């Protein structure tokens, strides 16, 4: 909602709180998102540089982190019906919505079943939606019993 301070999402990378670097986020806005009605993202090259300098640039709060990257972040423009697929290890977030419209959006996370997990394990956070036949067979395989 415009000027709603209760829905702010400070700068973060999901991997900083235990998500796997082997997953992607699909962000689906249900309305046209632009300016402060959207989210921002630190692009990959700038993110790599920031990561190398994190201890010098990071500071002690989310706000000081944002201050150190605010000239480098990209405010996204994504129209209703479009999706954004992004690497959730990139710093991202939102600020106070100063536009006149409310942002409505959803996101989903996708990762391979056999890619490494972070702190969030299957059953705690993830639920497989598609398992390929080879994966199903491999998961049910048992070595022959030797008497």
N, C-alpha and C. Protein backbone atom coordinates (compact mmCIF):
# COMPACT_ATOMS: atom_id res chain seq x y z
N UNK A 1 0.84 -1.17 0.00
CA UNK A 1 0.00 0.00 0.00
C UNK A 1 0.89 1.24 0.00
N UNK A 2 0.46 2.28 -0.59
CA UNK A 2 1.26 3.50 -0.57
C UNK A 2 1.54 3.97 0.87
N UNK A 3 2.78 4.35 1.09
CA UNK A 3 3.23 4.88 2.39
C UNK A 3 3.02 3.93 3.57
N UNK A 4 2.97 2.64 3.32
CA UNK A 4 2.78 1.64 4.37
C UNK A 4 4.14 1.21 4.91
N UNK A 5 4.44 1.58 6.13
CA UNK A 5 5.74 1.23 6.72
C UNK A 5 5.76 -0.19 7.28
N UNK A 6 4.60 -0.87 7.31
CA UNK A 6 4.57 -2.22 7.90
C UNK A 6 4.98 -3.31 6.91
N UNK A 7 5.13 -2.97 5.64
CA UNK A 7 5.46 -4.01 4.66
C UNK A 7 6.83 -3.78 4.01
N UNK A 8 7.71 -3.10 4.71
CA UNK A 8 9.05 -2.85 4.18
C UNK A 8 9.88 -4.12 4.27
N UNK A 9 10.70 -4.33 3.28
CA UNK A 9 11.60 -5.48 3.26
C UNK A 9 13.01 -4.94 3.06
N UNK A 10 13.77 -4.81 4.16
CA UNK A 10 15.12 -4.24 4.04
C UNK A 10 16.00 -5.07 3.12
N UNK A 11 17.09 -4.46 2.68
CA UNK A 11 18.02 -5.14 1.79
C UNK A 11 18.46 -6.46 2.43
N UNK A 12 18.48 -7.48 1.60
CA UNK A 12 18.91 -8.80 2.05
C UNK A 12 19.19 -9.66 0.83
N UNK A 13 19.88 -10.74 1.04
CA UNK A 13 19.98 -11.82 0.06
C UNK A 13 19.45 -13.04 0.80
N UNK A 14 18.59 -13.80 0.18
CA UNK A 14 17.97 -14.93 0.88
C UNK A 14 19.00 -15.93 1.38
N UNK A 15 20.13 -16.02 0.70
CA UNK A 15 21.19 -16.93 1.14
C UNK A 15 21.80 -16.49 2.47
N UNK A 16 21.70 -15.22 2.80
CA UNK A 16 22.23 -14.74 4.08
C UNK A 16 21.48 -15.36 5.25
N UNK A 17 20.24 -15.81 5.03
CA UNK A 17 19.45 -16.40 6.11
C UNK A 17 19.22 -17.90 5.91
N UNK A 18 20.06 -18.53 5.11
CA UNK A 18 20.03 -19.98 5.02
C UNK A 18 19.41 -20.60 3.79
N UNK A 19 18.95 -19.80 2.83
CA UNK A 19 18.42 -20.39 1.61
C UNK A 19 19.58 -20.89 0.73
N UNK A 20 19.31 -21.89 -0.06
CA UNK A 20 20.33 -22.48 -0.92
C UNK A 20 20.69 -21.56 -2.08
N UNK A 21 21.97 -21.45 -2.41
CA UNK A 21 22.34 -20.68 -3.60
C UNK A 21 21.97 -21.40 -4.90
N UNK A 22 21.40 -22.59 -4.79
CA UNK A 22 21.01 -23.36 -5.97
C UNK A 22 19.53 -23.20 -6.31
N UNK A 23 18.90 -22.17 -5.77
CA UNK A 23 17.49 -21.95 -6.09
C UNK A 23 17.30 -20.59 -6.74
N UNK A 24 16.21 -20.45 -7.44
CA UNK A 24 15.85 -19.17 -8.04
C UNK A 24 14.47 -18.78 -7.54
N UNK A 25 14.20 -17.49 -7.60
CA UNK A 25 12.89 -16.96 -7.22
C UNK A 25 12.17 -16.51 -8.49
N UNK A 26 10.92 -16.86 -8.59
CA UNK A 26 10.06 -16.35 -9.65
C UNK A 26 9.12 -15.35 -8.98
N UNK A 27 9.26 -14.08 -9.36
CA UNK A 27 8.45 -13.00 -8.80
C UNK A 27 7.37 -12.64 -9.81
N UNK A 28 6.13 -12.72 -9.40
CA UNK A 28 4.99 -12.49 -10.28
C UNK A 28 4.15 -11.34 -9.74
N UNK A 29 4.33 -10.15 -10.31
CA UNK A 29 3.47 -9.04 -9.89
C UNK A 29 2.08 -9.20 -10.52
N UNK A 30 1.06 -8.92 -9.74
CA UNK A 30 -0.31 -9.01 -10.22
C UNK A 30 -0.81 -7.67 -10.75
N UNK A 31 0.02 -6.65 -10.60
CA UNK A 31 -0.24 -5.30 -11.11
C UNK A 31 1.06 -4.80 -11.73
N UNK A 32 1.01 -3.74 -12.50
CA UNK A 32 2.24 -3.15 -13.05
C UNK A 32 3.08 -2.61 -11.89
N UNK A 33 4.34 -3.01 -11.83
CA UNK A 33 5.24 -2.56 -10.76
C UNK A 33 6.34 -1.70 -11.36
N UNK A 34 6.59 -0.57 -10.74
CA UNK A 34 7.56 0.42 -11.22
C UNK A 34 7.94 1.30 -10.04
N UNK A 35 9.07 1.97 -10.16
CA UNK A 35 9.51 2.90 -9.11
C UNK A 35 9.49 2.24 -7.75
N UNK A 36 9.06 2.98 -6.73
CA UNK A 36 9.04 2.43 -5.38
C UNK A 36 7.89 1.45 -5.14
N UNK A 37 7.03 1.27 -6.14
CA UNK A 37 5.99 0.25 -6.06
C UNK A 37 6.57 -1.12 -6.37
N UNK A 38 7.77 -1.13 -6.91
CA UNK A 38 8.45 -2.38 -7.28
C UNK A 38 9.47 -2.74 -6.20
N UNK A 39 10.33 -3.64 -6.54
CA UNK A 39 11.46 -3.99 -5.68
C UNK A 39 12.74 -3.57 -6.40
N UNK A 40 13.83 -3.57 -5.66
CA UNK A 40 15.12 -3.27 -6.26
C UNK A 40 16.01 -4.50 -6.13
N UNK A 41 17.03 -4.53 -6.97
CA UNK A 41 17.95 -5.65 -7.03
C UNK A 41 19.34 -5.11 -7.32
N UNK A 42 20.34 -5.64 -6.65
CA UNK A 42 21.72 -5.29 -6.96
C UNK A 42 22.19 -6.26 -8.05
N UNK A 43 22.52 -5.75 -9.25
CA UNK A 43 22.89 -6.63 -10.37
C UNK A 43 24.11 -7.51 -10.05
N UNK A 44 24.28 -8.60 -10.80
CA UNK A 44 25.35 -9.57 -10.51
C UNK A 44 26.76 -8.99 -10.39
N UNK A 45 27.18 -8.16 -11.32
CA UNK A 45 28.56 -7.63 -11.26
C UNK A 45 28.73 -6.77 -10.01
N UNK A 46 27.78 -5.88 -9.76
CA UNK A 46 27.85 -5.04 -8.57
C UNK A 46 27.73 -5.87 -7.30
N UNK A 47 26.94 -6.93 -7.35
CA UNK A 47 26.77 -7.80 -6.20
C UNK A 47 28.07 -8.52 -5.85
N UNK A 48 28.79 -8.99 -6.88
CA UNK A 48 30.07 -9.68 -6.64
C UNK A 48 31.07 -8.71 -6.02
N UNK A 49 31.11 -7.49 -6.52
CA UNK A 49 32.01 -6.48 -5.95
C UNK A 49 31.62 -6.18 -4.51
N UNK A 50 30.32 -6.01 -4.26
CA UNK A 50 29.84 -5.74 -2.91
C UNK A 50 30.20 -6.89 -1.97
N UNK A 51 30.04 -8.12 -2.44
CA UNK A 51 30.35 -9.28 -1.62
C UNK A 51 31.82 -9.29 -1.21
N UNK A 52 32.70 -8.94 -2.17
CA UNK A 52 34.14 -8.88 -1.87
C UNK A 52 34.46 -7.81 -0.84
N UNK A 53 33.66 -6.75 -0.81
CA UNK A 53 33.91 -5.61 0.08
C UNK A 53 32.92 -5.55 1.24
N UNK A 54 32.21 -6.63 1.49
CA UNK A 54 31.11 -6.61 2.45
C UNK A 54 31.51 -6.08 3.82
N UNK A 55 32.63 -6.57 4.36
CA UNK A 55 33.00 -6.15 5.71
C UNK A 55 33.33 -4.67 5.77
N UNK A 56 33.82 -4.10 4.67
CA UNK A 56 34.12 -2.66 4.65
C UNK A 56 32.87 -1.83 4.40
N UNK A 57 32.00 -2.32 3.51
CA UNK A 57 30.84 -1.53 3.09
C UNK A 57 29.56 -1.85 3.85
N UNK A 58 29.50 -3.03 4.43
CA UNK A 58 28.24 -3.50 5.00
C UNK A 58 27.72 -2.72 6.19
N UNK A 59 28.59 -2.34 7.09
CA UNK A 59 28.10 -1.65 8.27
C UNK A 59 27.39 -2.59 9.22
N UNK A 60 26.61 -2.02 10.11
CA UNK A 60 26.01 -2.83 11.16
C UNK A 60 24.49 -2.93 11.06
N UNK A 61 23.91 -2.40 10.00
CA UNK A 61 22.45 -2.47 9.88
C UNK A 61 22.05 -2.60 8.41
N UNK A 62 20.82 -3.02 8.19
CA UNK A 62 20.31 -3.11 6.82
C UNK A 62 20.32 -1.75 6.15
N UNK A 63 20.02 -0.72 6.93
CA UNK A 63 19.98 0.63 6.35
C UNK A 63 21.37 1.07 5.91
N UNK A 64 22.40 0.75 6.69
CA UNK A 64 23.76 1.13 6.28
C UNK A 64 24.20 0.32 5.06
N UNK A 65 23.75 -0.92 4.96
CA UNK A 65 24.04 -1.73 3.77
C UNK A 65 23.38 -1.08 2.56
N UNK A 66 22.08 -0.73 2.69
CA UNK A 66 21.39 -0.10 1.57
C UNK A 66 22.07 1.21 1.18
N UNK A 67 22.45 2.01 2.16
CA UNK A 67 23.13 3.28 1.86
C UNK A 67 24.39 3.06 1.03
N UNK A 68 25.08 1.94 1.28
CA UNK A 68 26.33 1.70 0.56
C UNK A 68 26.12 1.20 -0.88
N UNK A 69 24.89 0.77 -1.20
CA UNK A 69 24.63 0.25 -2.56
C UNK A 69 23.53 1.00 -3.30
N UNK A 70 22.92 1.98 -2.67
CA UNK A 70 21.71 2.59 -3.26
C UNK A 70 21.93 3.21 -4.63
N UNK A 71 23.15 3.65 -4.94
CA UNK A 71 23.40 4.21 -6.27
C UNK A 71 23.61 3.12 -7.32
N UNK A 72 23.77 1.87 -6.88
CA UNK A 72 24.03 0.76 -7.80
C UNK A 72 22.83 -0.15 -8.02
N UNK A 73 21.82 -0.07 -7.14
CA UNK A 73 20.67 -0.97 -7.30
C UNK A 73 19.84 -0.57 -8.51
N UNK A 74 19.14 -1.54 -9.05
CA UNK A 74 18.25 -1.30 -10.19
C UNK A 74 16.81 -1.47 -9.70
N UNK A 75 16.02 -0.42 -9.89
CA UNK A 75 14.60 -0.51 -9.59
C UNK A 75 13.93 -1.21 -10.77
N UNK A 76 13.21 -2.26 -10.49
CA UNK A 76 12.67 -3.10 -11.53
C UNK A 76 11.35 -2.57 -12.05
N UNK A 77 11.14 -2.74 -13.33
CA UNK A 77 9.85 -2.43 -13.94
C UNK A 77 9.33 -3.73 -14.53
N UNK A 78 8.32 -4.28 -13.89
CA UNK A 78 7.74 -5.54 -14.33
C UNK A 78 6.23 -5.35 -14.40
N UNK A 79 5.69 -5.61 -15.57
CA UNK A 79 4.25 -5.41 -15.79
C UNK A 79 3.45 -6.63 -15.34
N UNK A 80 2.20 -6.38 -15.02
CA UNK A 80 1.29 -7.47 -14.70
C UNK A 80 1.31 -8.49 -15.84
N UNK A 81 1.43 -9.76 -15.49
CA UNK A 81 1.50 -10.81 -16.51
C UNK A 81 2.91 -11.20 -16.87
N UNK A 82 3.89 -10.35 -16.55
CA UNK A 82 5.29 -10.71 -16.75
C UNK A 82 5.80 -11.34 -15.45
N UNK A 83 6.91 -12.03 -15.54
CA UNK A 83 7.56 -12.57 -14.35
C UNK A 83 9.02 -12.17 -14.36
N UNK A 84 9.59 -12.14 -13.20
CA UNK A 84 11.02 -11.92 -13.04
C UNK A 84 11.59 -13.16 -12.39
N UNK A 85 12.56 -13.79 -13.01
CA UNK A 85 13.27 -14.92 -12.42
C UNK A 85 14.63 -14.39 -12.01
N UNK A 86 14.95 -14.51 -10.71
CA UNK A 86 16.23 -13.96 -10.27
C UNK A 86 16.93 -14.86 -9.27
N UNK A 87 18.22 -14.69 -9.22
CA UNK A 87 19.11 -15.38 -8.30
C UNK A 87 18.94 -14.73 -6.93
N UNK A 88 18.39 -15.48 -5.99
CA UNK A 88 18.09 -14.88 -4.69
C UNK A 88 19.32 -14.69 -3.80
N UNK A 89 20.50 -14.96 -4.34
CA UNK A 89 21.71 -14.59 -3.60
C UNK A 89 22.12 -13.15 -3.89
N UNK A 90 21.40 -12.50 -4.83
CA UNK A 90 21.65 -11.08 -5.10
C UNK A 90 20.92 -10.23 -4.07
N UNK A 91 21.58 -9.23 -3.50
CA UNK A 91 20.88 -8.34 -2.56
C UNK A 91 19.67 -7.68 -3.23
N UNK A 92 18.56 -7.67 -2.50
CA UNK A 92 17.32 -7.09 -3.02
C UNK A 92 16.44 -6.67 -1.85
N UNK A 93 15.36 -5.98 -2.15
CA UNK A 93 14.43 -5.55 -1.12
C UNK A 93 13.46 -4.54 -1.68
N UNK A 94 12.79 -3.83 -0.79
CA UNK A 94 11.93 -2.73 -1.22
C UNK A 94 12.07 -1.57 -0.25
N UNK A 95 11.51 -0.47 -0.61
CA UNK A 95 11.52 0.74 0.21
C UNK A 95 10.07 1.19 0.37
N UNK A 96 9.87 2.27 1.03
CA UNK A 96 8.53 2.81 1.20
C UNK A 96 7.91 3.06 -0.17
N UNK A 97 6.72 2.53 -0.38
CA UNK A 97 6.00 2.72 -1.65
C UNK A 97 5.46 4.15 -1.70
N UNK A 98 6.12 4.97 -2.48
CA UNK A 98 5.71 6.37 -2.62
C UNK A 98 4.82 6.59 -3.85
N UNK A 99 4.47 5.50 -4.53
CA UNK A 99 3.56 5.60 -5.67
C UNK A 99 2.12 5.68 -5.14
N UNK A 100 1.16 5.90 -6.01
CA UNK A 100 -0.23 6.06 -5.58
C UNK A 100 -1.01 4.75 -5.60
N UNK A 101 -0.34 3.65 -5.96
CA UNK A 101 -1.02 2.36 -6.10
C UNK A 101 -0.37 1.31 -5.21
N UNK A 102 -1.15 0.30 -4.87
CA UNK A 102 -0.68 -0.82 -4.06
C UNK A 102 0.00 -1.86 -4.94
N UNK A 103 1.08 -2.44 -4.43
CA UNK A 103 1.74 -3.54 -5.13
C UNK A 103 1.13 -4.85 -4.63
N UNK A 104 0.73 -5.68 -5.57
CA UNK A 104 0.27 -7.03 -5.29
C UNK A 104 1.20 -7.96 -6.06
N UNK A 105 1.83 -8.88 -5.34
CA UNK A 105 2.75 -9.80 -6.02
C UNK A 105 2.83 -11.11 -5.26
N UNK A 106 3.33 -12.11 -5.95
CA UNK A 106 3.58 -13.43 -5.36
C UNK A 106 4.98 -13.85 -5.77
N UNK A 107 5.56 -14.76 -5.00
CA UNK A 107 6.81 -15.35 -5.46
C UNK A 107 6.83 -16.83 -5.12
N UNK A 108 7.56 -17.56 -5.93
CA UNK A 108 7.79 -19.00 -5.74
C UNK A 108 9.28 -19.25 -5.88
N UNK A 109 9.73 -20.27 -5.22
CA UNK A 109 11.15 -20.64 -5.29
C UNK A 109 11.26 -22.00 -5.96
N UNK A 110 12.29 -22.14 -6.77
CA UNK A 110 12.52 -23.39 -7.48
C UNK A 110 13.97 -23.81 -7.33
N UNK A 111 14.17 -25.09 -7.08
CA UNK A 111 15.52 -25.65 -7.04
C UNK A 111 15.43 -27.12 -7.40
N UNK A 112 16.54 -27.66 -7.83
CA UNK A 112 16.58 -29.08 -8.15
C UNK A 112 16.56 -29.91 -6.87
N UNK A 113 15.90 -31.06 -6.93
CA UNK A 113 15.79 -31.93 -5.77
C UNK A 113 17.16 -32.34 -5.26
N UNK A 114 18.10 -32.58 -6.16
CA UNK A 114 19.40 -33.10 -5.75
C UNK A 114 20.49 -32.04 -5.69
N UNK A 115 20.12 -30.78 -5.72
CA UNK A 115 21.11 -29.72 -5.52
C UNK A 115 21.22 -29.47 -4.02
N UNK A 116 22.36 -28.96 -3.57
CA UNK A 116 22.55 -28.76 -2.12
C UNK A 116 21.50 -27.81 -1.52
N UNK A 117 21.11 -28.14 -0.31
CA UNK A 117 20.18 -27.31 0.45
C UNK A 117 20.99 -26.42 1.38
N UNK A 118 20.42 -25.30 1.76
CA UNK A 118 21.00 -24.46 2.80
C UNK A 118 20.48 -24.97 4.14
N UNK A 119 20.03 -24.05 4.98
CA UNK A 119 19.48 -24.43 6.28
C UNK A 119 18.06 -24.96 6.18
N UNK A 120 17.38 -24.68 5.09
CA UNK A 120 15.98 -25.09 4.92
C UNK A 120 15.93 -26.38 4.12
N UNK A 121 15.42 -27.42 4.75
CA UNK A 121 15.46 -28.77 4.17
C UNK A 121 14.10 -29.18 3.60
N UNK A 122 14.08 -30.25 2.78
CA UNK A 122 12.79 -30.75 2.27
C UNK A 122 11.86 -31.07 3.44
N UNK A 123 10.61 -30.72 3.30
CA UNK A 123 9.65 -30.94 4.37
C UNK A 123 9.55 -29.79 5.34
N UNK A 124 10.63 -29.02 5.48
CA UNK A 124 10.61 -27.84 6.33
C UNK A 124 10.20 -26.61 5.53
N UNK A 125 10.62 -26.58 4.28
CA UNK A 125 10.41 -25.38 3.46
C UNK A 125 10.03 -25.73 2.03
N UNK A 126 10.57 -26.84 1.53
CA UNK A 126 10.37 -27.21 0.13
C UNK A 126 9.44 -28.41 0.03
N UNK A 127 8.68 -28.43 -1.04
CA UNK A 127 7.87 -29.60 -1.37
C UNK A 127 8.06 -29.86 -2.86
N UNK A 128 8.55 -31.04 -3.21
CA UNK A 128 8.75 -31.33 -4.64
C UNK A 128 7.42 -31.27 -5.39
N UNK A 129 7.44 -30.60 -6.54
CA UNK A 129 6.24 -30.57 -7.38
C UNK A 129 6.43 -31.38 -8.65
N UNK A 130 7.65 -31.54 -9.08
CA UNK A 130 7.91 -32.35 -10.27
C UNK A 130 9.15 -33.19 -10.03
N UNK A 131 8.98 -34.49 -10.06
CA UNK A 131 10.12 -35.40 -10.00
C UNK A 131 10.14 -36.15 -11.32
N UNK A 132 11.26 -36.16 -11.96
CA UNK A 132 11.41 -36.87 -13.23
C UNK A 132 11.47 -38.37 -12.96
N UNK A 133 11.11 -39.18 -13.96
CA UNK A 133 11.13 -40.63 -13.77
C UNK A 133 12.49 -41.15 -13.28
N UNK A 134 13.57 -40.62 -13.80
CA UNK A 134 14.89 -41.09 -13.36
C UNK A 134 15.12 -40.75 -11.88
N UNK A 135 14.63 -39.60 -11.44
CA UNK A 135 14.76 -39.24 -10.02
C UNK A 135 13.91 -40.16 -9.15
N UNK A 136 12.68 -40.43 -9.58
CA UNK A 136 11.81 -41.33 -8.81
C UNK A 136 12.44 -42.72 -8.69
N UNK A 137 12.97 -43.21 -9.80
CA UNK A 137 13.60 -44.53 -9.78
C UNK A 137 14.81 -44.53 -8.86
N UNK A 138 15.64 -43.53 -8.99
CA UNK A 138 16.83 -43.45 -8.15
C UNK A 138 16.50 -43.33 -6.67
N UNK A 139 15.46 -42.59 -6.35
CA UNK A 139 15.08 -42.40 -4.94
C UNK A 139 14.52 -43.67 -4.32
N UNK A 140 13.95 -44.55 -5.14
CA UNK A 140 13.36 -45.78 -4.60
C UNK A 140 14.32 -46.97 -4.70
N UNK A 141 15.49 -46.76 -5.28
CA UNK A 141 16.43 -47.85 -5.49
C UNK A 141 16.97 -48.36 -4.15
N UNK A 142 17.06 -49.67 -4.05
CA UNK A 142 17.70 -50.31 -2.91
C UNK A 142 18.68 -51.35 -3.44
N UNK A 143 19.82 -51.44 -2.83
CA UNK A 143 20.80 -52.45 -3.22
C UNK A 143 20.21 -53.84 -2.98
N UNK A 144 20.58 -54.81 -3.82
CA UNK A 144 20.09 -56.18 -3.59
C UNK A 144 20.59 -56.68 -2.23
N UNK A 145 19.74 -57.48 -1.59
CA UNK A 145 20.10 -58.04 -0.28
C UNK A 145 21.02 -59.24 -0.49
N UNK A 146 22.05 -59.29 0.28
CA UNK A 146 22.99 -60.41 0.22
C UNK A 146 22.78 -61.24 1.48
N UNK A 147 22.57 -62.57 1.30
CA UNK A 147 22.34 -63.39 2.48
C UNK A 147 23.61 -63.92 3.05
